[in-house]
PDB file of N, CA and C in Angstrom:
ATOM      1  N   MET A   1       0.847  -1.174   0.000  1.00  0.00           N
ATOM      2  CA  MET A   1       0.000   0.000   0.000  1.00  0.00           C
ATOM      3  C   MET A   1       0.891   1.234   0.000  1.00  0.00           C
ATOM      4  N   GLY A   2       0.735   2.119  -1.000  1.00  0.00           N
ATOM      5  CA  GLY A   2       1.576   3.306  -1.123  1.00  0.00           C
ATOM      6  C   GLY A   2       1.107   4.438  -0.234  1.00  0.00           C
ATOM      7  N   LEU A   3       2.058   5.216   0.206  1.00  0.00           N
ATOM      8  CA  LEU A   3       1.720   6.379   1.022  1.00  0.00           C
ATOM      9  C   LEU A   3       1.414   7.558   0.113  1.00  0.00           C
ATOM     10  N   SER A   4       0.362   8.295   0.438  1.00  0.00           N
ATOM     11  CA  SER A   4       0.057   9.476  -0.365  1.00  0.00           C
ATOM     12  C   SER A   4       0.799  10.668   0.219  1.00  0.00           C
ATOM     13  N   ARG A   5       1.178  11.554  -0.650  1.00  0.00           N
ATOM     14  CA  ARG A   5       1.946  12.717  -0.245  1.00  0.00           C
ATOM     15  C   ARG A   5       1.001  13.829   0.188  1.00  0.00           C
ATOM     16  N   GLN A   6       1.310  14.418   1.317  1.00  0.00           N
ATOM     17  CA  GLN A   6       0.481  15.516   1.814  1.00  0.00           C
ATOM     18  C   GLN A   6       0.731  16.777   1.010  1.00  0.00           C
ATOM     19  N   ARG A   7      -0.328  17.521   0.733  1.00  0.00           N
ATOM     20  CA  ARG A   7      -0.202  18.786   0.021  1.00  0.00           C
ATOM     21  C   ARG A   7      -0.676  19.891   0.953  1.00  0.00           C
ATOM     22  N   PHE A   8       0.089  20.956   0.980  1.00  0.00           N
ATOM     23  CA  PHE A   8      -0.239  22.069   1.853  1.00  0.00           C
ATOM     24  C   PHE A   8      -0.522  23.307   1.022  1.00  0.00           C
ATOM     25  N   THR A   9      -1.497  24.073   1.449  1.00  0.00           N
ATOM     26  CA  THR A   9      -1.841  25.295   0.724  1.00  0.00           C
ATOM     27  C   THR A   9      -0.798  26.366   1.005  1.00  0.00           C
ATOM     28  N   ARG A  10      -0.796  27.369   0.151  1.00  0.00           N
ATOM     29  CA  ARG A  10       0.117  28.499   0.327  1.00  0.00           C
ATOM     30  C   ARG A  10      -0.149  29.183   1.670  1.00  0.00           C
ATOM     31  N   GLU A  11      -1.424  29.349   2.000  1.00  0.00           N
ATOM     32  CA  GLU A  11      -1.794  30.009   3.262  1.00  0.00           C
ATOM     33  C   GLU A  11      -1.289  29.225   4.472  1.00  0.00           C
ATOM     34  N   PHE A  12      -1.387  27.900   4.400  1.00  0.00           N
ATOM     35  CA  PHE A  12      -0.898  27.050   5.486  1.00  0.00           C
ATOM     36  C   PHE A  12       0.603  27.253   5.680  1.00  0.00           C
ATOM     37  N   LYS A  13       1.346  27.281   4.579  1.00  0.00           N
ATOM     38  CA  LYS A  13       2.796  27.445   4.655  1.00  0.00           C
ATOM     39  C   LYS A  13       3.163  28.819   5.210  1.00  0.00           C
ATOM     40  N   ILE A  14       2.472  29.844   4.746  1.00  0.00           N
ATOM     41  CA  ILE A  14       2.757  31.205   5.236  1.00  0.00           C
ATOM     42  C   ILE A  14       2.449  31.311   6.718  1.00  0.00           C
ATOM     43  N   THR A  15       1.352  30.701   7.161  1.00  0.00           N
ATOM     44  CA  THR A  15       1.012  30.712   8.589  1.00  0.00           C
ATOM     45  C   THR A  15       2.109  30.038   9.398  1.00  0.00           C
ATOM     46  N   ALA A  16       2.621  28.918   8.897  1.00  0.00           N
ATOM     47  CA  ALA A  16       3.684  28.205   9.606  1.00  0.00           C
ATOM     48  C   ALA A  16       4.939  29.065   9.692  1.00  0.00           C
ATOM     49  N   VAL A  17       5.308  29.713   8.590  1.00  0.00           N
ATOM     50  CA  VAL A  17       6.508  30.551   8.571  1.00  0.00           C
ATOM     51  C   VAL A  17       6.335  31.740   9.510  1.00  0.00           C
ATOM     52  N   ARG A  18       5.158  32.333   9.533  1.00  0.00           N
ATOM     53  CA  ARG A  18       4.923  33.492  10.427  1.00  0.00           C
ATOM     54  C   ARG A  18       5.018  33.084  11.900  1.00  0.00           C
ATOM     55  N   ARG A  19       4.586  31.877  12.198  1.00  0.00           N
ATOM     56  CA  ARG A  19       4.727  31.399  13.587  1.00  0.00           C
ATOM     57  C   ARG A  19       6.203  31.288  13.957  1.00  0.00           C
ATOM     58  N   LEU A  20       7.016  30.840  12.987  1.00  0.00           N
ATOM     59  CA  LEU A  20       8.463  30.756  13.237  1.00  0.00           C
ATOM     60  C   LEU A  20       9.049  32.150  13.409  1.00  0.00           C
ATOM     61  N   GLN A  21       8.581  33.108  12.619  1.00  0.00           N
ATOM     62  CA  GLN A  21       9.079  34.480  12.715  1.00  0.00           C
ATOM     63  C   GLN A  21       8.687  35.140  14.034  1.00  0.00           C
ATOM     64  N   GLN A  22       7.596  34.695  14.618  1.00  0.00           N
ATOM     65  CA  GLN A  22       7.150  35.256  15.898  1.00  0.00           C
ATOM     66  C   GLN A  22       7.888  34.661  17.081  1.00  0.00           C
ATOM     67  N   GLY A  23       8.794  33.727  16.810  1.00  0.00           N
ATOM     68  CA  GLY A  23       9.638  33.218  17.876  1.00  0.00           C
ATOM     69  C   GLY A  23       9.369  31.791  18.303  1.00  0.00           C
ATOM     70  N   GLU A  24       8.349  31.160  17.780  1.00  0.00           N
ATOM     71  CA  GLU A  24       8.110  29.765  18.141  1.00  0.00           C
ATOM     72  C   GLU A  24       9.221  28.903  17.541  1.00  0.00           C
ATOM     73  N   THR A  25       9.580  27.867  18.226  1.00  0.00           N
ATOM     74  CA  THR A  25      10.651  27.002  17.728  1.00  0.00           C
ATOM     75  C   THR A  25      10.116  26.092  16.622  1.00  0.00           C
ATOM     76  N   VAL A  26      11.046  25.600  15.830  1.00  0.00           N
ATOM     77  CA  VAL A  26      10.679  24.702  14.740  1.00  0.00           C
ATOM     78  C   VAL A  26      10.017  23.451  15.300  1.00  0.00           C
ATOM     79  N   ALA A  27      10.534  22.926  16.389  1.00  0.00           N
ATOM     80  CA  ALA A  27       9.985  21.705  16.976  1.00  0.00           C
ATOM     81  C   ALA A  27       8.535  21.906  17.411  1.00  0.00           C
ATOM     82  N   VAL A  28       8.249  23.032  18.056  1.00  0.00           N
ATOM     83  CA  VAL A  28       6.888  23.302  18.547  1.00  0.00           C
ATOM     84  C   VAL A  28       5.919  23.433  17.362  1.00  0.00           C
ATOM     85  N   VAL A  29       6.307  24.197  16.353  1.00  0.00           N
ATOM     86  CA  VAL A  29       5.435  24.405  15.191  1.00  0.00           C
ATOM     87  C   VAL A  29       5.248  23.090  14.435  1.00  0.00           C
ATOM     88  N   ALA A  30       6.307  22.317  14.298  1.00  0.00           N
ATOM     89  CA  ALA A  30       6.223  21.035  13.593  1.00  0.00           C
ATOM     90  C   ALA A  30       5.255  20.092  14.290  1.00  0.00           C
ATOM     91  N   ARG A  31       5.340  20.025  15.629  1.00  0.00           N
ATOM     92  CA  ARG A  31       4.421  19.168  16.377  1.00  0.00           C
ATOM     93  C   ARG A  31       2.989  19.674  16.271  1.00  0.00           C
ATOM     94  N   ALA A  32       2.811  20.978  16.382  1.00  0.00           N
ATOM     95  CA  ALA A  32       1.465  21.552  16.347  1.00  0.00           C
ATOM     96  C   ALA A  32       0.803  21.349  14.977  1.00  0.00           C
ATOM     97  N   LEU A  33       1.564  21.483  13.933  1.00  0.00           N
ATOM     98  CA  LEU A  33       1.008  21.369  12.586  1.00  0.00           C
ATOM     99  C   LEU A  33       1.145  19.967  11.991  1.00  0.00           C
ATOM    100  N   GLU A  34       1.837  19.102  12.723  1.00  0.00           N
ATOM    101  CA  GLU A  34       2.077  17.725  12.306  1.00  0.00           C
ATOM    102  C   GLU A  34       2.791  17.659  10.950  1.00  0.00           C
ATOM    103  N   VAL A  35       3.904  18.400  10.867  1.00  0.00           N
ATOM    104  CA  VAL A  35       4.740  18.372   9.664  1.00  0.00           C
ATOM    105  C   VAL A  35       6.183  18.095  10.065  1.00  0.00           C
ATOM    106  N   ASN A  36       6.976  17.705   9.110  1.00  0.00           N
ATOM    107  CA  ASN A  36       8.380  17.422   9.332  1.00  0.00           C
ATOM    108  C   ASN A  36       9.125  18.743   9.588  1.00  0.00           C
ATOM    109  N   PRO A  37       9.997  18.790  10.585  1.00  0.00           N
ATOM    110  CA  PRO A  37      10.759  20.012  10.849  1.00  0.00           C
ATOM    111  C   PRO A  37      11.600  20.470   9.653  1.00  0.00           C
ATOM    112  N   GLY A  38      12.125  19.524   8.880  1.00  0.00           N
ATOM    113  CA  GLY A  38      12.904  19.875   7.693  1.00  0.00           C
ATOM    114  C   GLY A  38      12.063  20.641   6.675  1.00  0.00           C
ATOM    115  N   LEU A  39      10.812  20.292   6.608  1.00  0.00           N
ATOM    116  CA  LEU A  39       9.892  20.972   5.705  1.00  0.00           C
ATOM    117  C   LEU A  39       9.710  22.431   6.141  1.00  0.00           C
ATOM    118  N   LEU A  40       9.623  22.641   7.426  1.00  0.00           N
ATOM    119  CA  LEU A  40       9.483  24.013   7.946  1.00  0.00           C
ATOM    120  C   LEU A  40      10.716  24.849   7.613  1.00  0.00           C
ATOM    121  N   HIS A  41      11.885  24.233   7.748  1.00  0.00           N
ATOM    122  CA  HIS A  41      13.120  24.952   7.395  1.00  0.00           C
ATOM    123  C   HIS A  41      13.101  25.342   5.916  1.00  0.00           C
ATOM    124  N   ARG A  42      12.698  24.429   5.058  1.00  0.00           N
ATOM    125  CA  ARG A  42      12.642  24.697   3.622  1.00  0.00           C
ATOM    126  C   ARG A  42      11.635  25.815   3.315  1.00  0.00           C
ATOM    127  N   TRP A  43      10.469  25.772   3.953  1.00  0.00           N
ATOM    128  CA  TRP A  43       9.460  26.807   3.728  1.00  0.00           C
ATOM    129  C   TRP A  43       9.974  28.176   4.168  1.00  0.00           C
ATOM    130  N   ARG A  44      10.656  28.185   5.324  1.00  0.00           N
ATOM    131  CA  ARG A  44      11.174  29.464   5.826  1.00  0.00           C
ATOM    132  C   ARG A  44      12.212  30.039   4.861  1.00  0.00           C
ATOM    133  N   GLU A  45      13.109  29.180   4.340  1.00  0.00           N
ATOM    134  CA  GLU A  45      14.120  29.634   3.378  1.00  0.00           C
ATOM    135  C   GLU A  45      13.466  30.201   2.122  1.00  0.00           C
ATOM    136  N   GLU A  46      12.496  29.476   1.599  1.00  0.00           N
ATOM    137  CA  GLU A  46      11.821  29.920   0.373  1.00  0.00           C
ATOM    138  C   GLU A  46      11.103  31.248   0.605  1.00  0.00           C
ATOM    139  N   TYR A  47      10.483  31.393   1.763  1.00  0.00           N
ATOM    140  CA  TYR A  47       9.761  32.629   2.074  1.00  0.00           C
ATOM    141  C   TYR A  47      10.736  33.798   2.235  1.00  0.00           C
ATOM    142  N   GLN A  48      11.884  33.565   2.836  1.00  0.00           N
ATOM    143  CA  GLN A  48      12.872  34.623   3.032  1.00  0.00           C
ATOM    144  C   GLN A  48      13.491  35.076   1.713  1.00  0.00           C
ATOM    145  N   GLN A  49      13.573  34.186   0.728  1.00  0.00           N
ATOM    146  CA  GLN A  49      14.138  34.548  -0.575  1.00  0.00           C
ATOM    147  C   GLN A  49      13.225  35.478  -1.353  1.00  0.00           C
ATOM    148  N   GLY A  50      11.955  35.425  -1.089  1.00  0.00           N
ATOM    149  CA  GLY A  50      11.006  36.305  -1.786  1.00  0.00           C
ATOM    150  C   GLY A  50       9.586  35.973  -1.382  1.00  0.00           C
ATOM    151  N   PRO A  51       9.040  36.710  -0.432  1.00  0.00           N
ATOM    152  CA  PRO A  51       7.700  36.398   0.077  1.00  0.00           C
ATOM    153  C   PRO A  51       6.616  36.354  -0.999  1.00  0.00           C
ATOM    154  N   LYS A  52       6.717  37.226  -1.981  1.00  0.00           N
ATOM    155  CA  LYS A  52       5.664  37.254  -3.006  1.00  0.00           C
ATOM    156  C   LYS A  52       5.777  36.091  -3.976  1.00  0.00           C
ATOM    157  N   LYS A  53       7.008  35.610  -4.193  1.00  0.00           N
ATOM    158  CA  LYS A  53       7.219  34.495  -5.118  1.00  0.00           C
ATOM    159  C   LYS A  53       7.147  33.144  -4.419  1.00  0.00           C
ATOM    160  N   ALA A  54       7.143  33.136  -3.104  1.00  0.00           N
ATOM    161  CA  ALA A  54       7.165  31.883  -2.354  1.00  0.00           C
ATOM    162  C   ALA A  54       5.861  31.116  -2.536  1.00  0.00           C
ATOM    163  N   PHE A  55       5.983  29.823  -2.649  1.00  0.00           N
ATOM    164  CA  PHE A  55       4.859  28.901  -2.718  1.00  0.00           C
ATOM    165  C   PHE A  55       3.904  29.248  -3.866  1.00  0.00           C
ATOM    166  N   PRO A  56       4.388  29.198  -5.101  1.00  0.00           N
ATOM    167  CA  PRO A  56       3.566  29.614  -6.236  1.00  0.00           C
ATOM    168  C   PRO A  56       2.380  28.691  -6.533  1.00  0.00           C
ATOM    169  N   GLY A  57       2.434  27.476  -6.104  1.00  0.00           N
ATOM    170  CA  GLY A  57       1.330  26.556  -6.381  1.00  0.00           C
ATOM    171  C   GLY A  57       1.782  25.138  -6.180  1.00  0.00           C
ATOM    172  N   SER A  58       0.922  24.218  -6.546  1.00  0.00           N
ATOM    173  CA  SER A  58       1.278  22.816  -6.355  1.00  0.00           C
ATOM    174  C   SER A  58       2.242  22.367  -7.443  1.00  0.00           C
ATOM    175  N   GLY A  59       3.007  21.373  -7.141  1.00  0.00           N
ATOM    176  CA  GLY A  59       3.952  20.838  -8.112  1.00  0.00           C
ATOM    177  C   GLY A  59       5.256  21.613  -8.134  1.00  0.00           C
ATOM    178  N   ARG A  60       5.994  21.401  -9.220  1.00  0.00           N
ATOM    179  CA  ARG A  60       7.301  22.041  -9.355  1.00  0.00           C
ATOM    180  C   ARG A  60       7.154  23.520  -9.630  1.00  0.00           C
ATOM    181  N   ARG A  61       8.168  24.251  -9.276  1.00  0.00           N
ATOM    182  CA  ARG A  61       8.160  25.685  -9.530  1.00  0.00           C
ATOM    183  C   ARG A  61       8.195  25.942 -11.027  1.00  0.00           C
ATOM    184  N   GLY A  62       7.491  26.965 -11.441  1.00  0.00           N
ATOM    185  CA  GLY A  62       7.462  27.317 -12.855  1.00  0.00           C
ATOM    186  C   GLY A  62       8.769  27.954 -13.289  1.00  0.00           C
ATOM    187  N   ILE A  63       9.051  27.846 -14.556  1.00  0.00           N
ATOM    188  CA  ILE A  63      10.257  28.452 -15.105  1.00  0.00           C
ATOM    189  C   ILE A  63       9.983  29.929 -15.313  1.00  0.00           C
ATOM    190  N   GLU A  64      10.952  30.746 -15.019  1.00  0.00           N
ATOM    191  CA  GLU A  64      10.818  32.180 -15.197  1.00  0.00           C
ATOM    192  C   GLU A  64      10.581  32.508 -16.668  1.00  0.00           C
ATOM    193  N   PRO A  65       9.759  33.513 -16.968  1.00  0.00           N
ATOM    194  CA  PRO A  65       9.486  33.882 -18.365  1.00  0.00           C
ATOM    195  C   PRO A  65      10.746  34.228 -19.162  1.00  0.00           C
ATOM    196  N   ASP A  66      11.728  34.863 -18.524  1.00  0.00           N
ATOM    197  CA  ASP A  66      12.973  35.191 -19.221  1.00  0.00           C
ATOM    198  C   ASP A  66      13.697  33.917 -19.661  1.00  0.00           C
ATOM    199  N   ARG A  67      13.679  32.920 -18.807  1.00  0.00           N
ATOM    200  CA  ARG A  67      14.343  31.650 -19.118  1.00  0.00           C
ATOM    201  C   ARG A  67      13.624  30.951 -20.274  1.00  0.00           C
ATOM    202  N   VAL A  68      12.297  31.013 -20.266  1.00  0.00           N
ATOM    203  CA  VAL A  68      11.518  30.404 -21.339  1.00  0.00           C
ATOM    204  C   VAL A  68      11.871  31.068 -22.665  1.00  0.00           C
ATOM    205  N   ALA A  69      11.922  32.409 -22.678  1.00  0.00           N
ATOM    206  CA  ALA A  69      12.263  33.148 -23.901  1.00  0.00           C
ATOM    207  C   ALA A  69      13.670  32.780 -24.373  1.00  0.00           C
ATOM    208  N   GLN A  70      14.594  32.667 -23.439  1.00  0.00           N
ATOM    209  CA  GLN A  70      15.973  32.305 -23.784  1.00  0.00           C
ATOM    210  C   GLN A  70      16.017  30.910 -24.426  1.00  0.00           C
ATOM    211  N   LEU A  71      15.292  29.965 -23.847  1.00  0.00           N
ATOM    212  CA  LEU A  71      15.283  28.605 -24.387  1.00  0.00           C
ATOM    213  C   LEU A  71      14.601  28.553 -25.751  1.00  0.00           C
ATOM    214  N   GLU A  72      13.548  29.354 -25.938  1.00  0.00           N
ATOM    215  CA  GLU A  72      12.885  29.395 -27.241  1.00  0.00           C
ATOM    216  C   GLU A  72      13.814  29.960 -28.313  1.00  0.00           C
ATOM    217  N   ARG A  73      14.593  30.986 -27.963  1.00  0.00           N
ATOM    218  CA  ARG A  73      15.570  31.533 -28.911  1.00  0.00           C
ATOM    219  C   ARG A  73      16.611  30.485 -29.281  1.00  0.00           C
ATOM    220  N   LYS A  74      17.057  29.745 -28.278  1.00  0.00           N
ATOM    221  CA  LYS A  74      18.066  28.712 -28.522  1.00  0.00           C
ATOM    222  C   LYS A  74      17.509  27.620 -29.437  1.00  0.00           C
ATOM    223  N   ILE A  75      16.270  27.223 -29.213  1.00  0.00           N
ATOM    224  CA  ILE A  75      15.638  26.215 -30.062  1.00  0.00           C
ATOM    225  C   ILE A  75      15.530  26.731 -31.490  1.00  0.00           C
ATOM    226  N   GLY A  76      15.143  28.000 -31.654  1.00  0.00           N
ATOM    227  CA  GLY A  76      15.046  28.593 -32.984  1.00  0.00           C
ATOM    228  C   GLY A  76      16.385  28.606 -33.692  1.00  0.00           C
ATOM    229  N   GLN A  77      17.430  28.984 -32.972  1.00  0.00           N
ATOM    230  CA  GLN A  77      18.780  29.019 -33.554  1.00  0.00           C
ATOM    231  C   GLN A  77      19.211  27.623 -33.972  1.00  0.00           C
ATOM    232  N   GLN A  78      18.951  26.642 -33.134  1.00  0.00           N
ATOM    233  CA  GLN A  78      19.339  25.271 -33.461  1.00  0.00           C
ATOM    234  C   GLN A  78      18.536  24.740 -34.649  1.00  0.00           C
ATOM    235  N   ALA A  79      17.270  25.137 -34.761  1.00  0.00           N
ATOM    236  CA  ALA A  79      16.463  24.721 -35.902  1.00  0.00           C
ATOM    237  C   ALA A  79      17.046  25.289 -37.199  1.00  0.00           C
ATOM    238  N   LEU A  80      17.487  26.558 -37.150  1.00  0.00           N
ATOM    239  CA  LEU A  80      18.123  27.162 -38.325  1.00  0.00           C
ATOM    240  C   LEU A  80      19.405  26.423 -38.696  1.00  0.00           C
ATOM    241  N   GLU A  81      20.215  26.097 -37.698  1.00  0.00           N
ATOM    242  CA  GLU A  81      21.455  25.377 -37.954  1.00  0.00           C
ATOM    243  C   GLU A  81      21.186  23.995 -38.554  1.00  0.00           C
ATOM    244  N   ILE A  82      20.171  23.319 -38.051  1.00  0.00           N
ATOM    245  CA  ILE A  82      19.827  21.989 -38.573  1.00  0.00           C
ATOM    246  C   ILE A  82      19.386  22.104 -40.030  1.00  0.00           C
ATOM    247  N   ASP A  83      18.546  23.105 -40.324  1.00  0.00           N
ATOM    248  CA  ASP A  83      18.103  23.303 -41.711  1.00  0.00           C
ATOM    249  C   ASP A  83      19.287  23.580 -42.629  1.00  0.00           C
ATOM    250  N   PHE A  84      20.225  24.403 -42.173  1.00  0.00           N
ATOM    251  CA  PHE A  84      21.409  24.717 -42.969  1.00  0.00           C
ATOM    252  C   PHE A  84      22.227  23.451 -43.238  1.00  0.00           C
ATOM    253  N   LEU A  85      22.445  22.665 -42.205  1.00  0.00           N
ATOM    254  CA  LEU A  85      23.238  21.443 -42.358  1.00  0.00           C
ATOM    255  C   LEU A  85      22.533  20.412 -43.244  1.00  0.00           C
ATOM    256  N   LYS A  86      21.204  20.354 -43.162  1.00  0.00           N
ATOM    257  CA  LYS A  86      20.464  19.453 -44.050  1.00  0.00           C
ATOM    258  C   LYS A  86      20.657  19.873 -45.501  1.00  0.00           C
ATOM    259  N   GLY A  87      20.635  21.189 -45.754  1.00  0.00           N
ATOM    260  CA  GLY A  87      20.868  21.693 -47.110  1.00  0.00           C
ATOM    261  C   GLY A  87      22.255  21.336 -47.605  1.00  0.00           C
ATOM    262  N   CYS A  88      23.246  21.478 -46.739  1.00  0.00           N
ATOM    263  CA  CYS A  88      24.624  21.119 -47.110  1.00  0.00           C
ATOM    264  C   CYS A  88      24.723  19.632 -47.430  1.00  0.00           C
ATOM    265  N   LEU A  89      24.119  18.810 -46.613  1.00  0.00           N
ATOM    266  CA  LEU A  89      24.152  17.364 -46.826  1.00  0.00           C
ATOM    267  C   LEU A  89      23.454  16.998 -48.136  1.00  0.00           C
ATOM    268  N   GLN A  90      22.340  17.640 -48.413  1.00  0.00           N
ATOM    269  CA  GLN A  90      21.621  17.371 -49.662  1.00  0.00           C
ATOM    270  C   GLN A  90      22.482  17.752 -50.864  1.00  0.00           C
ATOM    271  N   SER A  91      23.173  18.873 -50.766  1.00  0.00           N
ATOM    272  CA  SER A  91      24.057  19.312 -51.845  1.00  0.00           C
ATOM    273  C   SER A  91      25.180  18.300 -52.074  1.00  0.00           C
ATOM    274  N   ILE A  92      25.758  17.801 -51.007  1.00  0.00           N
ATOM    275  CA  ILE A  92      26.826  16.798 -51.112  1.00  0.00           C
ATOM    276  C   ILE A  92      26.286  15.523 -51.742  1.00  0.00           C
ATOM    277  N   GLU A  93      25.097  15.095 -51.323  1.00  0.00           N
ATOM    278  CA  GLU A  93      24.497  13.883 -51.870  1.00  0.00           C
ATOM    279  C   GLU A  93      24.213  14.044 -53.360  1.00  0.00           C
ATOM    280  N   GLU A  94      23.829  15.239 -53.792  1.00  0.00           N
ATOM    281  CA  GLU A  94      23.572  15.479 -55.214  1.00  0.00           C
ATOM    282  C   GLU A  94      24.869  15.454 -56.018  1.00  0.00           C
ATOM    283  N   GLN A  95      25.990  15.845 -55.427  1.00  0.00           N
ATOM    284  CA  GLN A  95      27.283  15.864 -56.118  1.00  0.00           C
ATOM    285  C   GLN A  95      27.884  14.472 -56.256  1.00  0.00           C
ATOM    286  N   ARG A  96      27.575  13.549 -55.379  1.00  0.00           N
ATOM    287  CA  ARG A  96      28.173  12.209 -55.401  1.00  0.00           C
ATOM    288  C   ARG A  96      27.952  11.467 -56.721  1.00  0.00           C
ATOM    289  N   PRO A  97      26.716  11.367 -57.214  1.00  0.00           N
ATOM    290  CA  PRO A  97      26.533  10.629 -58.476  1.00  0.00           C
ATOM    291  C   PRO A  97      27.281  11.289 -59.638  1.00  0.00           C
ATOM    292  N   LEU A  98      27.371  12.600 -59.660  1.00  0.00           N
ATOM    293  CA  LEU A  98      28.087  13.290 -60.729  1.00  0.00           C
ATOM    294  C   LEU A  98      29.575  12.963 -60.686  1.00  0.00           C
ATOM    295  N   GLN A  99      30.149  12.909 -59.521  1.00  0.00           N
ATOM    296  CA  GLN A  99      31.574  12.599 -59.373  1.00  0.00           C
ATOM    297  C   GLN A  99      31.848  11.139 -59.716  1.00  0.00           C
ATOM    298  N   ALA A 100      30.900  10.244 -59.439  1.00  0.00           N
ATOM    299  CA  ALA A 100      31.096   8.820 -59.719  1.00  0.00           C
ATOM    300  C   ALA A 100      31.104   8.553 -61.222  1.00  0.00           C
ATOM    301  N   ARG A 101      30.380   9.350 -62.026  1.00  0.00           N
ATOM    302  CA  ARG A 101      30.307   9.158 -63.477  1.00  0.00           C
ATOM    303  C   ARG A 101      31.540   9.688 -64.199  1.00  0.00           C
ATOM    304  N   GLN A 102      32.237  10.639 -63.626  1.00  0.00           N
ATOM    305  CA  GLN A 102      33.404  11.229 -64.297  1.00  0.00           C
ATOM    306  C   GLN A 102      34.576  10.260 -64.236  1.00  0.00           C
ATOM    307  N   PRO A 103      35.322  10.091 -65.368  1.00  0.00           N
ATOM    308  CA  PRO A 103      36.473   9.169 -65.345  1.00  0.00           C
ATOM    309  C   PRO A 103      37.574   9.718 -64.430  1.00  0.00           C
ATOM    310  N   GLN A 104      38.201   8.810 -63.737  1.00  0.00           N
ATOM    311  CA  GLN A 104      39.277   9.189 -62.825  1.00  0.00           C
ATOM    312  C   GLN A 104      40.585   9.268 -63.603  1.00  0.00           C
ATOM    313  N   PRO A 105      41.422  10.280 -63.361  1.00  0.00           N
ATOM    314  CA  PRO A 105      42.713  10.366 -64.051  1.00  0.00           C
ATOM    315  C   PRO A 105      43.604   9.198 -63.623  1.00  0.00           C
ATOM    316  N   PRO A 106      44.501   8.758 -64.516  1.00  0.00           N
ATOM    317  CA  PRO A 106      45.390   7.646 -64.149  1.00  0.00           C
ATOM    318  C   PRO A 106      46.267   8.030 -62.964  1.00  0.00           C
ATOM    319  N   SER A 107      46.657   7.043 -62.231  1.00  0.00           N
ATOM    320  CA  SER A 107      47.463   7.265 -61.047  1.00  0.00           C
ATOM    321  C   SER A 107      48.867   7.724 -61.443  1.00  0.00           C
ATOM    322  N   THR A 108      49.400   8.682 -60.734  1.00  0.00           N
ATOM    323  CA  THR A 108      50.767   9.164 -60.979  1.00  0.00           C
ATOM    324  C   THR A 108      51.691   8.719 -59.864  1.00  0.00           C
ATOM    325  N   ARG A 109      51.240   7.768 -59.116  1.00  0.00           N
ATOM    326  CA  ARG A 109      52.002   7.291 -57.976  1.00  0.00           C
ATOM    327  C   ARG A 109      53.197   6.470 -58.436  1.00  0.00           C
ATOM    328  N   LYS A 110      54.341   6.654 -57.798  1.00  0.00           N
ATOM    329  CA  LYS A 110      55.556   5.901 -58.140  1.00  0.00           C
ATOM    330  C   LYS A 110      55.708   4.724 -57.199  1.00  0.00           C
ATOM    331  N   SER A 111      56.483   3.753 -57.642  1.00  0.00           N
ATOM    332  CA  SER A 111      56.722   2.582 -56.809  1.00  0.00           C
ATOM    333  C   SER A 111      57.657   2.934 -55.652  1.00  0.00           C
ATOM    334  N   LYS A 112      57.843   1.994 -54.761  1.00  0.00           N
ATOM    335  CA  LYS A 112      58.660   2.242 -53.570  1.00  0.00           C
ATOM    336  C   LYS A 112      60.125   2.519 -53.889  1.00  0.00           C
ATOM    337  N   ASN A 113      60.655   1.924 -54.931  1.00  0.00           N
ATOM    338  CA  ASN A 113      62.071   2.113 -55.224  1.00  0.00           C
ATOM    339  C   ASN A 113      62.345   3.370 -56.068  1.00  0.00           C
ATOM    340  N   GLY A 114      61.284   4.172 -56.316  1.00  0.00           N
ATOM    341  CA  GLY A 114      61.484   5.456 -56.977  1.00  0.00           C
ATOM    342  C   GLY A 114      61.340   5.398 -58.470  1.00  0.00           C
ATOM    343  N   GLU A 115      61.135   4.234 -59.060  1.00  0.00           N
ATOM    344  CA  GLU A 115      60.990   4.127 -60.500  1.00  0.00           C
ATOM    345  C   GLU A 115      59.517   4.014 -60.863  1.00  0.00           C
ATOM    346  N   GLY A 116      59.198   4.334 -62.085  1.00  0.00           N
ATOM    347  CA  GLY A 116      57.829   4.190 -62.574  1.00  0.00           C
ATOM    348  C   GLY A 116      57.481   2.737 -62.736  1.00  0.00           C
ATOM    349  N   GLU A 117      56.222   2.427 -62.979  1.00  0.00           N
ATOM    350  CA  GLU A 117      55.783   1.041 -63.047  1.00  0.00           C
ATOM    351  C   GLU A 117      56.316   0.315 -64.282  1.00  0.00           C
ATOM    352  N   GLY A 118      56.374   0.971 -65.427  1.00  0.00           N
ATOM    353  CA  GLY A 118      56.764   0.273 -66.644  1.00  0.00           C
ATOM    354  C   GLY A 118      58.235   0.433 -66.997  1.00  0.00           C
ATOM    355  N   SER A 119      59.129   0.825 -66.138  1.00  0.00           N
ATOM    356  CA  SER A 119      60.520   1.074 -66.475  1.00  0.00           C
ATOM    357  C   SER A 119      61.408  -0.149 -66.346  1.00  0.00           C
ATOM    358  N   ARG A 120      60.936  -1.289 -65.912  1.00  0.00           N
ATOM    359  CA  ARG A 120      61.780  -2.474 -65.750  1.00  0.00           C
ATOM    360  C   ARG A 120      61.937  -3.216 -66.973  1.00  0.00           C
TER     361      ARG A 120
END
């Protein structure tokens, strides 16, 4: 049987943090609210970093809009690069059959002893 995870509202978390700010100890607040003391420490840290941004909702924190815009620009740039490289590859593939049909010039390579092939 799996344990379900408790979810706390933003108001509940703010109330807990305010009790800590008023001087109650973490142990007392944790016992009174029946939460893990480590959770209270985490809530207090998050609230101190920015009260208005703290506890935005359930689940994972949302990505900042600036970060989203940055990632979208990066995706766009990479899409352009991929299109460019696909074009280059297509051009190379089109050149291959043309090069295969052209006769190759005779080899001008000399033998190991420095003489031509037919000089013996």
